[in-house]
N, C-alpha and C. Protein backbone atom coordinates (compact mmCIF):
# COMPACT_ATOMS: atom_id res chain seq x y z
N UNK A 1 -15.23 -45.25 171.57
CA UNK A 1 -14.43 -45.01 170.38
C UNK A 1 -14.09 -46.33 169.71
N UNK A 2 -13.61 -46.22 168.48
CA UNK A 2 -13.23 -47.43 167.76
C UNK A 2 -12.06 -48.14 168.42
N UNK A 3 -11.16 -47.36 169.02
CA UNK A 3 -10.02 -48.00 169.67
C UNK A 3 -10.48 -48.84 170.86
N UNK A 4 -11.51 -48.39 171.57
CA UNK A 4 -12.06 -49.19 172.67
C UNK A 4 -12.70 -50.46 172.14
N UNK A 5 -13.32 -50.34 171.00
CA UNK A 5 -14.04 -51.47 170.42
C UNK A 5 -13.09 -52.53 169.86
N UNK A 6 -12.04 -52.09 169.17
CA UNK A 6 -11.18 -53.04 168.48
C UNK A 6 -9.89 -53.38 169.22
N UNK A 7 -9.50 -52.58 170.17
CA UNK A 7 -8.30 -52.87 170.95
C UNK A 7 -8.70 -52.84 172.42
N UNK A 8 -9.35 -53.89 172.84
CA UNK A 8 -9.90 -53.93 174.19
C UNK A 8 -8.87 -54.36 175.23
N UNK A 9 -7.83 -55.05 174.80
CA UNK A 9 -6.88 -55.60 175.76
C UNK A 9 -5.75 -54.65 176.14
N UNK A 10 -5.77 -53.41 175.64
CA UNK A 10 -4.70 -52.46 175.93
C UNK A 10 -5.27 -51.18 176.51
N UNK A 11 -4.42 -50.47 177.21
CA UNK A 11 -4.76 -49.16 177.78
C UNK A 11 -3.90 -48.10 177.11
N UNK A 12 -4.25 -46.84 177.34
CA UNK A 12 -3.44 -45.74 176.83
C UNK A 12 -2.11 -45.73 177.56
N UNK A 13 -1.01 -45.39 177.02
CA UNK A 13 -0.75 -44.91 175.67
C UNK A 13 -0.48 -46.03 174.66
N UNK A 14 -0.42 -47.29 175.14
CA UNK A 14 -0.14 -48.40 174.22
C UNK A 14 -1.17 -48.48 173.10
N UNK A 15 -2.41 -48.21 173.43
CA UNK A 15 -3.48 -48.28 172.44
C UNK A 15 -3.24 -47.26 171.33
N UNK A 16 -2.85 -46.06 171.69
CA UNK A 16 -2.59 -45.01 170.70
C UNK A 16 -1.39 -45.37 169.83
N UNK A 17 -0.37 -45.91 170.46
CA UNK A 17 0.82 -46.31 169.71
C UNK A 17 0.46 -47.41 168.71
N UNK A 18 -0.35 -48.36 169.13
CA UNK A 18 -0.79 -49.43 168.23
C UNK A 18 -1.58 -48.87 167.04
N UNK A 19 -2.45 -47.92 167.30
CA UNK A 19 -3.25 -47.33 166.22
C UNK A 19 -2.37 -46.59 165.21
N UNK A 20 -1.43 -45.82 165.70
CA UNK A 20 -0.52 -45.10 164.80
C UNK A 20 0.34 -46.09 164.03
N UNK A 21 0.81 -47.12 164.70
CA UNK A 21 1.62 -48.14 164.05
C UNK A 21 0.84 -48.84 162.93
N UNK A 22 -0.40 -49.18 163.20
CA UNK A 22 -1.24 -49.82 162.18
C UNK A 22 -1.47 -48.90 160.99
N UNK A 23 -1.74 -47.63 161.27
CA UNK A 23 -1.98 -46.67 160.19
C UNK A 23 -0.72 -46.50 159.33
N UNK A 24 0.42 -46.41 159.98
CA UNK A 24 1.67 -46.24 159.24
C UNK A 24 2.02 -47.49 158.44
N UNK A 25 1.76 -48.65 159.01
CA UNK A 25 2.01 -49.90 158.28
C UNK A 25 1.14 -50.00 157.04
N UNK A 26 -0.10 -49.62 157.21
CA UNK A 26 -1.02 -49.66 156.07
C UNK A 26 -0.57 -48.69 154.98
N UNK A 27 -0.14 -47.51 155.38
CA UNK A 27 0.35 -46.52 154.43
C UNK A 27 1.58 -47.04 153.70
N UNK A 28 2.49 -47.63 154.42
CA UNK A 28 3.71 -48.16 153.81
C UNK A 28 3.39 -49.26 152.80
N UNK A 29 2.49 -50.16 153.18
CA UNK A 29 2.09 -51.22 152.25
C UNK A 29 1.45 -50.63 150.99
N UNK A 30 0.62 -49.63 151.19
CA UNK A 30 -0.04 -49.00 150.05
C UNK A 30 0.98 -48.33 149.13
N UNK A 31 1.99 -47.73 149.71
CA UNK A 31 3.01 -47.05 148.91
C UNK A 31 3.86 -48.04 148.13
N UNK A 32 4.07 -49.21 148.67
CA UNK A 32 4.94 -50.18 148.02
C UNK A 32 4.20 -51.14 147.11
N UNK A 33 2.88 -51.13 147.16
CA UNK A 33 2.08 -52.04 146.34
C UNK A 33 1.57 -51.33 145.10
N UNK A 34 1.24 -52.14 144.12
CA UNK A 34 0.67 -51.60 142.89
C UNK A 34 -0.75 -51.10 143.18
N UNK A 35 -1.10 -49.93 142.67
CA UNK A 35 -2.46 -49.40 142.92
C UNK A 35 -3.54 -50.32 142.37
N UNK A 36 -4.67 -50.30 143.04
CA UNK A 36 -5.80 -51.17 142.68
C UNK A 36 -6.25 -50.95 141.24
N UNK A 37 -6.27 -49.71 140.77
CA UNK A 37 -6.73 -49.42 139.41
C UNK A 37 -5.83 -50.09 138.38
N UNK A 38 -4.54 -50.15 138.66
CA UNK A 38 -3.61 -50.81 137.73
C UNK A 38 -3.84 -52.32 137.74
N UNK A 39 -4.05 -52.88 138.93
CA UNK A 39 -4.35 -54.32 139.02
C UNK A 39 -5.60 -54.65 138.22
N UNK A 40 -6.62 -53.81 138.36
CA UNK A 40 -7.89 -54.05 137.67
C UNK A 40 -7.70 -54.02 136.15
N UNK A 41 -6.98 -53.03 135.67
CA UNK A 41 -6.76 -52.92 134.22
C UNK A 41 -5.92 -54.09 133.72
N UNK A 42 -4.93 -54.51 134.49
CA UNK A 42 -4.13 -55.67 134.09
C UNK A 42 -4.98 -56.93 134.01
N UNK A 43 -5.89 -57.10 134.98
CA UNK A 43 -6.79 -58.27 134.93
C UNK A 43 -7.71 -58.20 133.71
N UNK A 44 -8.26 -57.01 133.46
CA UNK A 44 -9.13 -56.84 132.29
C UNK A 44 -8.36 -57.11 131.00
N UNK A 45 -7.13 -56.63 130.94
CA UNK A 45 -6.30 -56.84 129.76
C UNK A 45 -6.03 -58.34 129.56
N UNK A 46 -5.71 -59.02 130.62
CA UNK A 46 -5.46 -60.47 130.53
C UNK A 46 -6.72 -61.20 130.05
N UNK A 47 -7.86 -60.81 130.58
CA UNK A 47 -9.12 -61.43 130.16
C UNK A 47 -9.36 -61.21 128.67
N UNK A 48 -9.12 -60.00 128.21
CA UNK A 48 -9.31 -59.70 126.78
C UNK A 48 -8.32 -60.46 125.91
N UNK A 49 -7.10 -60.61 126.39
CA UNK A 49 -6.10 -61.36 125.62
C UNK A 49 -6.48 -62.84 125.53
N UNK A 50 -7.03 -63.37 126.60
CA UNK A 50 -7.50 -64.76 126.57
C UNK A 50 -8.66 -64.89 125.59
N UNK A 51 -9.56 -63.92 125.64
CA UNK A 51 -10.69 -63.93 124.71
C UNK A 51 -10.21 -63.84 123.26
N UNK A 52 -9.21 -63.00 123.02
CA UNK A 52 -8.66 -62.86 121.67
C UNK A 52 -8.04 -64.17 121.19
N UNK A 53 -7.35 -64.85 122.08
CA UNK A 53 -6.75 -66.14 121.73
C UNK A 53 -7.84 -67.15 121.39
N UNK A 54 -8.90 -67.15 122.17
CA UNK A 54 -10.02 -68.06 121.90
C UNK A 54 -10.67 -67.73 120.56
N UNK A 55 -10.82 -66.45 120.28
CA UNK A 55 -11.41 -66.04 119.00
C UNK A 55 -10.51 -66.40 117.83
N UNK A 56 -9.22 -66.38 118.04
CA UNK A 56 -8.28 -66.74 116.96
C UNK A 56 -8.41 -68.21 116.58
N UNK A 57 -8.83 -69.03 117.54
CA UNK A 57 -8.98 -70.46 117.29
C UNK A 57 -10.31 -70.80 116.62
N UNK A 58 -11.23 -69.85 116.60
CA UNK A 58 -12.53 -70.10 115.99
C UNK A 58 -12.45 -69.96 114.48
N UNK A 59 -13.51 -70.46 113.84
CA UNK A 59 -13.60 -70.29 112.39
C UNK A 59 -13.83 -68.81 112.10
N UNK A 60 -13.41 -68.40 110.95
CA UNK A 60 -13.47 -66.98 110.60
C UNK A 60 -14.81 -66.61 109.96
N UNK A 61 -15.88 -66.72 110.72
CA UNK A 61 -17.16 -66.23 110.22
C UNK A 61 -17.24 -64.73 110.50
N UNK A 62 -18.19 -64.06 109.94
CA UNK A 62 -18.29 -62.60 110.04
C UNK A 62 -18.42 -62.13 111.48
N UNK A 63 -19.22 -62.84 112.25
CA UNK A 63 -19.44 -62.45 113.65
C UNK A 63 -18.14 -62.58 114.45
N UNK A 64 -17.42 -63.64 114.22
CA UNK A 64 -16.16 -63.89 114.92
C UNK A 64 -15.11 -62.84 114.55
N UNK A 65 -15.03 -62.49 113.28
CA UNK A 65 -14.06 -61.50 112.82
C UNK A 65 -14.38 -60.13 113.42
N UNK A 66 -15.66 -59.79 113.44
CA UNK A 66 -16.08 -58.51 114.02
C UNK A 66 -15.75 -58.46 115.51
N UNK A 67 -16.07 -59.53 116.20
CA UNK A 67 -15.79 -59.58 117.64
C UNK A 67 -14.28 -59.53 117.90
N UNK A 68 -13.52 -60.21 117.06
CA UNK A 68 -12.06 -60.22 117.21
C UNK A 68 -11.50 -58.80 117.04
N UNK A 69 -12.00 -58.08 116.05
CA UNK A 69 -11.55 -56.71 115.80
C UNK A 69 -11.91 -55.82 117.00
N UNK A 70 -13.11 -56.02 117.52
CA UNK A 70 -13.57 -55.25 118.68
C UNK A 70 -12.68 -55.52 119.91
N UNK A 71 -12.35 -56.78 120.14
CA UNK A 71 -11.50 -57.15 121.28
C UNK A 71 -10.10 -56.58 121.10
N UNK A 72 -9.59 -56.60 119.88
CA UNK A 72 -8.26 -56.02 119.62
C UNK A 72 -8.25 -54.52 119.93
N UNK A 73 -9.33 -53.83 119.58
CA UNK A 73 -9.44 -52.40 119.89
C UNK A 73 -9.48 -52.18 121.40
N UNK A 74 -10.24 -53.02 122.10
CA UNK A 74 -10.31 -52.91 123.56
C UNK A 74 -8.94 -53.16 124.19
N UNK A 75 -8.21 -54.13 123.66
CA UNK A 75 -6.87 -54.42 124.17
C UNK A 75 -5.96 -53.22 123.96
N UNK A 76 -6.03 -52.62 122.79
CA UNK A 76 -5.20 -51.44 122.52
C UNK A 76 -5.52 -50.31 123.49
N UNK A 77 -6.80 -50.08 123.75
CA UNK A 77 -7.20 -49.03 124.68
C UNK A 77 -6.72 -49.33 126.10
N UNK A 78 -6.88 -50.58 126.52
CA UNK A 78 -6.44 -50.97 127.86
C UNK A 78 -4.92 -50.84 128.00
N UNK A 79 -4.19 -51.24 126.96
CA UNK A 79 -2.73 -51.13 127.02
C UNK A 79 -2.30 -49.68 127.10
N UNK A 80 -2.97 -48.81 126.37
CA UNK A 80 -2.64 -47.38 126.41
C UNK A 80 -2.92 -46.80 127.79
N UNK A 81 -4.08 -47.14 128.34
CA UNK A 81 -4.43 -46.63 129.67
C UNK A 81 -3.47 -47.18 130.73
N UNK A 82 -3.12 -48.45 130.60
CA UNK A 82 -2.19 -49.07 131.54
C UNK A 82 -0.82 -48.40 131.46
N UNK A 83 -0.39 -48.10 130.26
CA UNK A 83 0.90 -47.43 130.07
C UNK A 83 0.88 -46.05 130.75
N UNK A 84 -0.19 -45.30 130.55
CA UNK A 84 -0.31 -43.97 131.16
C UNK A 84 -0.33 -44.06 132.68
N UNK A 85 -1.13 -44.98 133.21
CA UNK A 85 -1.24 -45.11 134.66
C UNK A 85 0.06 -45.60 135.29
N UNK A 86 0.75 -46.50 134.62
CA UNK A 86 2.05 -46.94 135.13
C UNK A 86 3.05 -45.79 135.17
N UNK A 87 3.00 -44.93 134.15
CA UNK A 87 3.89 -43.77 134.12
C UNK A 87 3.56 -42.82 135.28
N UNK A 88 2.28 -42.60 135.52
CA UNK A 88 1.86 -41.73 136.63
C UNK A 88 2.29 -42.33 137.96
N UNK A 89 2.04 -43.63 138.11
CA UNK A 89 2.40 -44.32 139.35
C UNK A 89 3.90 -44.24 139.60
N UNK A 90 4.68 -44.47 138.55
CA UNK A 90 6.14 -44.42 138.69
C UNK A 90 6.59 -43.01 139.06
N UNK A 91 5.97 -42.00 138.44
CA UNK A 91 6.34 -40.61 138.76
C UNK A 91 6.02 -40.30 140.22
N UNK A 92 4.88 -40.77 140.70
CA UNK A 92 4.53 -40.55 142.10
C UNK A 92 5.49 -41.29 143.03
N UNK A 93 5.86 -42.52 142.66
CA UNK A 93 6.82 -43.27 143.47
C UNK A 93 8.16 -42.55 143.51
N UNK A 94 8.59 -42.04 142.37
CA UNK A 94 9.87 -41.32 142.31
C UNK A 94 9.83 -40.06 143.17
N UNK A 95 8.72 -39.34 143.09
CA UNK A 95 8.57 -38.12 143.88
C UNK A 95 8.56 -38.43 145.37
N UNK A 96 7.86 -39.47 145.75
CA UNK A 96 7.82 -39.88 147.15
C UNK A 96 9.20 -40.34 147.62
N UNK A 97 9.90 -41.06 146.76
CA UNK A 97 11.25 -41.50 147.09
C UNK A 97 12.20 -40.33 147.27
N UNK A 98 12.05 -39.33 146.41
CA UNK A 98 12.89 -38.14 146.53
C UNK A 98 12.59 -37.41 147.84
N UNK A 99 11.32 -37.31 148.20
CA UNK A 99 10.95 -36.65 149.45
C UNK A 99 11.52 -37.42 150.65
N UNK A 100 11.45 -38.74 150.60
CA UNK A 100 12.01 -39.55 151.69
C UNK A 100 13.52 -39.37 151.78
N UNK A 101 14.17 -39.33 150.62
CA UNK A 101 15.63 -39.15 150.60
C UNK A 101 16.01 -37.79 151.18
N UNK A 102 15.29 -36.75 150.76
CA UNK A 102 15.58 -35.41 151.29
C UNK A 102 15.34 -35.34 152.79
N UNK A 103 14.26 -35.95 153.25
CA UNK A 103 13.96 -35.95 154.68
C UNK A 103 15.06 -36.69 155.44
N UNK A 104 15.54 -37.78 154.89
CA UNK A 104 16.64 -38.52 155.51
C UNK A 104 17.91 -37.70 155.58
N UNK A 105 18.23 -37.01 154.48
CA UNK A 105 19.41 -36.14 154.48
C UNK A 105 19.27 -35.01 155.49
N UNK A 106 18.07 -34.47 155.60
CA UNK A 106 17.81 -33.40 156.56
C UNK A 106 18.00 -33.91 158.00
N UNK A 107 17.50 -35.09 158.27
CA UNK A 107 17.68 -35.67 159.61
C UNK A 107 19.16 -35.89 159.93
N UNK A 108 19.90 -36.39 158.94
CA UNK A 108 21.34 -36.61 159.14
C UNK A 108 22.05 -35.28 159.38
N UNK A 109 21.69 -34.27 158.61
CA UNK A 109 22.32 -32.96 158.77
C UNK A 109 22.03 -32.37 160.15
N UNK A 110 20.83 -32.56 160.64
CA UNK A 110 20.49 -32.05 161.98
C UNK A 110 21.25 -32.80 163.07
N UNK A 111 21.43 -34.10 162.89
CA UNK A 111 22.24 -34.86 163.86
C UNK A 111 23.69 -34.41 163.81
N UNK A 112 24.20 -34.21 162.58
CA UNK A 112 25.58 -33.75 162.44
C UNK A 112 25.75 -32.36 163.06
N UNK A 113 24.74 -31.51 162.95
CA UNK A 113 24.79 -30.19 163.56
C UNK A 113 24.92 -30.31 165.07
N UNK A 114 24.15 -31.19 165.66
CA UNK A 114 24.22 -31.39 167.11
C UNK A 114 25.61 -31.88 167.51
N UNK A 115 26.13 -32.84 166.75
CA UNK A 115 27.46 -33.37 167.04
C UNK A 115 28.52 -32.28 166.88
N UNK A 116 28.41 -31.49 165.82
CA UNK A 116 29.38 -30.41 165.59
C UNK A 116 29.33 -29.39 166.72
N UNK A 117 28.15 -29.06 167.19
CA UNK A 117 28.03 -28.11 168.31
C UNK A 117 28.64 -28.71 169.58
N UNK A 118 28.37 -29.99 169.81
CA UNK A 118 28.91 -30.64 171.01
C UNK A 118 30.43 -30.69 170.98
N UNK A 119 31.01 -30.83 169.79
CA UNK A 119 32.46 -30.90 169.65
C UNK A 119 33.09 -29.52 169.44
N UNK A 120 32.26 -28.49 169.48
CA UNK A 120 32.72 -27.11 169.26
C UNK A 120 33.35 -26.92 167.89
N UNK A 121 32.86 -27.67 166.91
CA UNK A 121 33.31 -27.52 165.52
C UNK A 121 32.39 -26.49 164.86
N UNK A 122 32.69 -25.22 165.14
CA UNK A 122 31.78 -24.16 164.73
C UNK A 122 31.78 -23.93 163.22
N UNK A 123 32.86 -24.27 162.56
CA UNK A 123 32.90 -24.15 161.10
C UNK A 123 31.89 -25.09 160.46
N UNK A 124 31.95 -26.34 160.90
CA UNK A 124 31.01 -27.35 160.38
C UNK A 124 29.58 -27.02 160.80
N UNK A 125 29.41 -26.59 162.04
CA UNK A 125 28.08 -26.24 162.53
C UNK A 125 27.50 -25.08 161.72
N UNK A 126 28.33 -24.09 161.43
CA UNK A 126 27.86 -22.95 160.63
C UNK A 126 27.47 -23.36 159.23
N UNK A 127 28.28 -24.22 158.63
CA UNK A 127 27.96 -24.71 157.28
C UNK A 127 26.63 -25.45 157.28
N UNK A 128 26.45 -26.32 158.26
CA UNK A 128 25.21 -27.07 158.34
C UNK A 128 24.02 -26.16 158.63
N UNK A 129 24.19 -25.26 159.58
CA UNK A 129 23.09 -24.40 160.03
C UNK A 129 22.68 -23.38 158.98
N UNK A 130 23.65 -22.83 158.26
CA UNK A 130 23.33 -21.73 157.35
C UNK A 130 23.34 -22.11 155.87
N UNK A 131 23.78 -23.32 155.56
CA UNK A 131 23.84 -23.71 154.16
C UNK A 131 23.09 -25.02 153.90
N UNK A 132 23.58 -26.08 154.49
CA UNK A 132 23.05 -27.41 154.17
C UNK A 132 21.60 -27.59 154.60
N UNK A 133 21.31 -27.31 155.86
CA UNK A 133 19.94 -27.52 156.37
C UNK A 133 18.93 -26.61 155.66
N UNK A 134 19.20 -25.31 155.50
CA UNK A 134 18.22 -24.49 154.77
C UNK A 134 18.00 -24.95 153.32
N UNK A 135 19.08 -25.40 152.67
CA UNK A 135 18.95 -25.88 151.28
C UNK A 135 18.04 -27.11 151.24
N UNK A 136 18.27 -28.05 152.15
CA UNK A 136 17.45 -29.26 152.18
C UNK A 136 16.00 -28.93 152.52
N UNK A 137 15.80 -28.01 153.46
CA UNK A 137 14.43 -27.61 153.81
C UNK A 137 13.73 -26.95 152.63
N UNK A 138 14.47 -26.11 151.88
CA UNK A 138 13.89 -25.47 150.69
C UNK A 138 13.50 -26.51 149.65
N UNK A 139 14.42 -27.43 149.38
CA UNK A 139 14.14 -28.48 148.39
C UNK A 139 12.92 -29.29 148.79
N UNK A 140 12.84 -29.61 150.07
CA UNK A 140 11.71 -30.40 150.56
C UNK A 140 10.41 -29.61 150.46
N UNK A 141 10.44 -28.34 150.81
CA UNK A 141 9.20 -27.55 150.73
C UNK A 141 8.78 -27.33 149.28
N UNK A 142 9.75 -27.15 148.38
CA UNK A 142 9.43 -27.00 146.96
C UNK A 142 8.80 -28.29 146.43
N UNK A 143 9.35 -29.40 146.83
CA UNK A 143 8.83 -30.70 146.40
C UNK A 143 7.40 -30.90 146.90
N UNK A 144 7.14 -30.50 148.13
CA UNK A 144 5.81 -30.68 148.71
C UNK A 144 4.79 -29.72 148.11
N UNK A 145 5.25 -28.56 147.62
CA UNK A 145 4.33 -27.56 147.08
C UNK A 145 4.14 -27.66 145.58
N UNK A 146 4.91 -28.52 144.91
CA UNK A 146 4.81 -28.62 143.46
C UNK A 146 3.39 -28.95 143.04
N UNK A 147 3.00 -28.33 141.96
CA UNK A 147 1.68 -28.59 141.38
C UNK A 147 1.74 -29.91 140.63
N UNK A 148 0.58 -30.57 140.49
CA UNK A 148 0.57 -31.82 139.74
C UNK A 148 1.00 -31.57 138.30
N UNK A 149 1.80 -32.47 137.78
CA UNK A 149 2.22 -32.32 136.39
C UNK A 149 1.10 -32.79 135.46
N UNK A 150 1.37 -32.74 134.18
CA UNK A 150 0.34 -33.07 133.20
C UNK A 150 -0.17 -34.50 133.34
N UNK A 151 0.72 -35.42 133.71
CA UNK A 151 0.28 -36.81 133.85
C UNK A 151 -0.71 -36.94 135.00
N UNK A 152 -0.44 -36.26 136.11
CA UNK A 152 -1.37 -36.34 137.23
C UNK A 152 -2.68 -35.66 136.89
N UNK A 153 -2.62 -34.55 136.14
CA UNK A 153 -3.85 -33.89 135.71
C UNK A 153 -4.65 -34.83 134.82
N UNK A 154 -3.94 -35.55 133.95
CA UNK A 154 -4.61 -36.49 133.07
C UNK A 154 -5.25 -37.62 133.87
N UNK A 155 -4.55 -38.08 134.89
CA UNK A 155 -5.10 -39.14 135.74
C UNK A 155 -6.36 -38.66 136.44
N UNK A 156 -6.32 -37.43 136.91
CA UNK A 156 -7.50 -36.89 137.58
C UNK A 156 -8.65 -36.73 136.60
N UNK A 157 -8.34 -36.38 135.36
CA UNK A 157 -9.40 -36.25 134.37
C UNK A 157 -10.02 -37.60 134.03
N UNK A 158 -9.25 -38.67 134.21
CA UNK A 158 -9.78 -40.02 134.01
C UNK A 158 -10.44 -40.55 135.27
N UNK A 159 -10.44 -39.74 136.32
CA UNK A 159 -11.08 -40.15 137.56
C UNK A 159 -10.19 -40.98 138.46
N UNK A 160 -8.87 -40.95 138.25
CA UNK A 160 -7.98 -41.77 139.06
C UNK A 160 -7.36 -41.01 140.22
N UNK A 161 -7.12 -39.72 140.07
CA UNK A 161 -6.53 -38.94 141.15
C UNK A 161 -5.13 -39.43 141.48
N UNK A 162 -4.69 -39.10 142.67
CA UNK A 162 -3.37 -39.50 143.12
C UNK A 162 -3.39 -40.97 143.49
N UNK A 163 -2.38 -41.71 143.06
CA UNK A 163 -2.37 -43.15 143.28
C UNK A 163 -1.74 -43.55 144.60
N UNK A 164 -0.79 -42.76 145.08
CA UNK A 164 -0.10 -43.11 146.31
C UNK A 164 -0.47 -42.13 147.41
N UNK A 165 -0.83 -42.66 148.54
CA UNK A 165 -1.07 -41.82 149.70
C UNK A 165 0.28 -41.44 150.29
N UNK A 166 0.38 -40.22 150.79
CA UNK A 166 1.65 -39.81 151.37
C UNK A 166 1.51 -39.32 152.80
N UNK A 167 0.33 -39.50 153.38
CA UNK A 167 0.14 -39.14 154.78
C UNK A 167 -0.92 -40.04 155.38
N UNK A 168 -0.86 -40.15 156.70
CA UNK A 168 -1.80 -41.02 157.41
C UNK A 168 -3.08 -40.24 157.65
């Protein structure tokens, strides 16, 4: 297996833990970093802006003016695409953040339920068990089942798909 090949100095279960840790670290970095497609468009945009500046310094012959107009159009298109992709990326980050927040609240509520049961605080335990926890679970399941919004559909139509991975 690949784990035998790349992690030769460890045995099970340490090897499995290392693999899961690496996968989760990679996922976390991917979630917190700017998507590659956005980096690429930003680099292309910068290149075009440099080219436009160079063309502005040239004499205004017909070829230069035509090329300058063409570069300006390309810059406008790149800026529009970058704006759309940044909006999609931000929406995905917000959705992922909301899911993390809900999961955190759910974990806290479950711990509080255990504490309330241990202390025989049945009023609090009942509230958590029959109100708070089911509400958080519903919100989390609704969030996970939501269909892609128009921006994500548009991203998919441009061939970009989902920008942030949310599972290993």
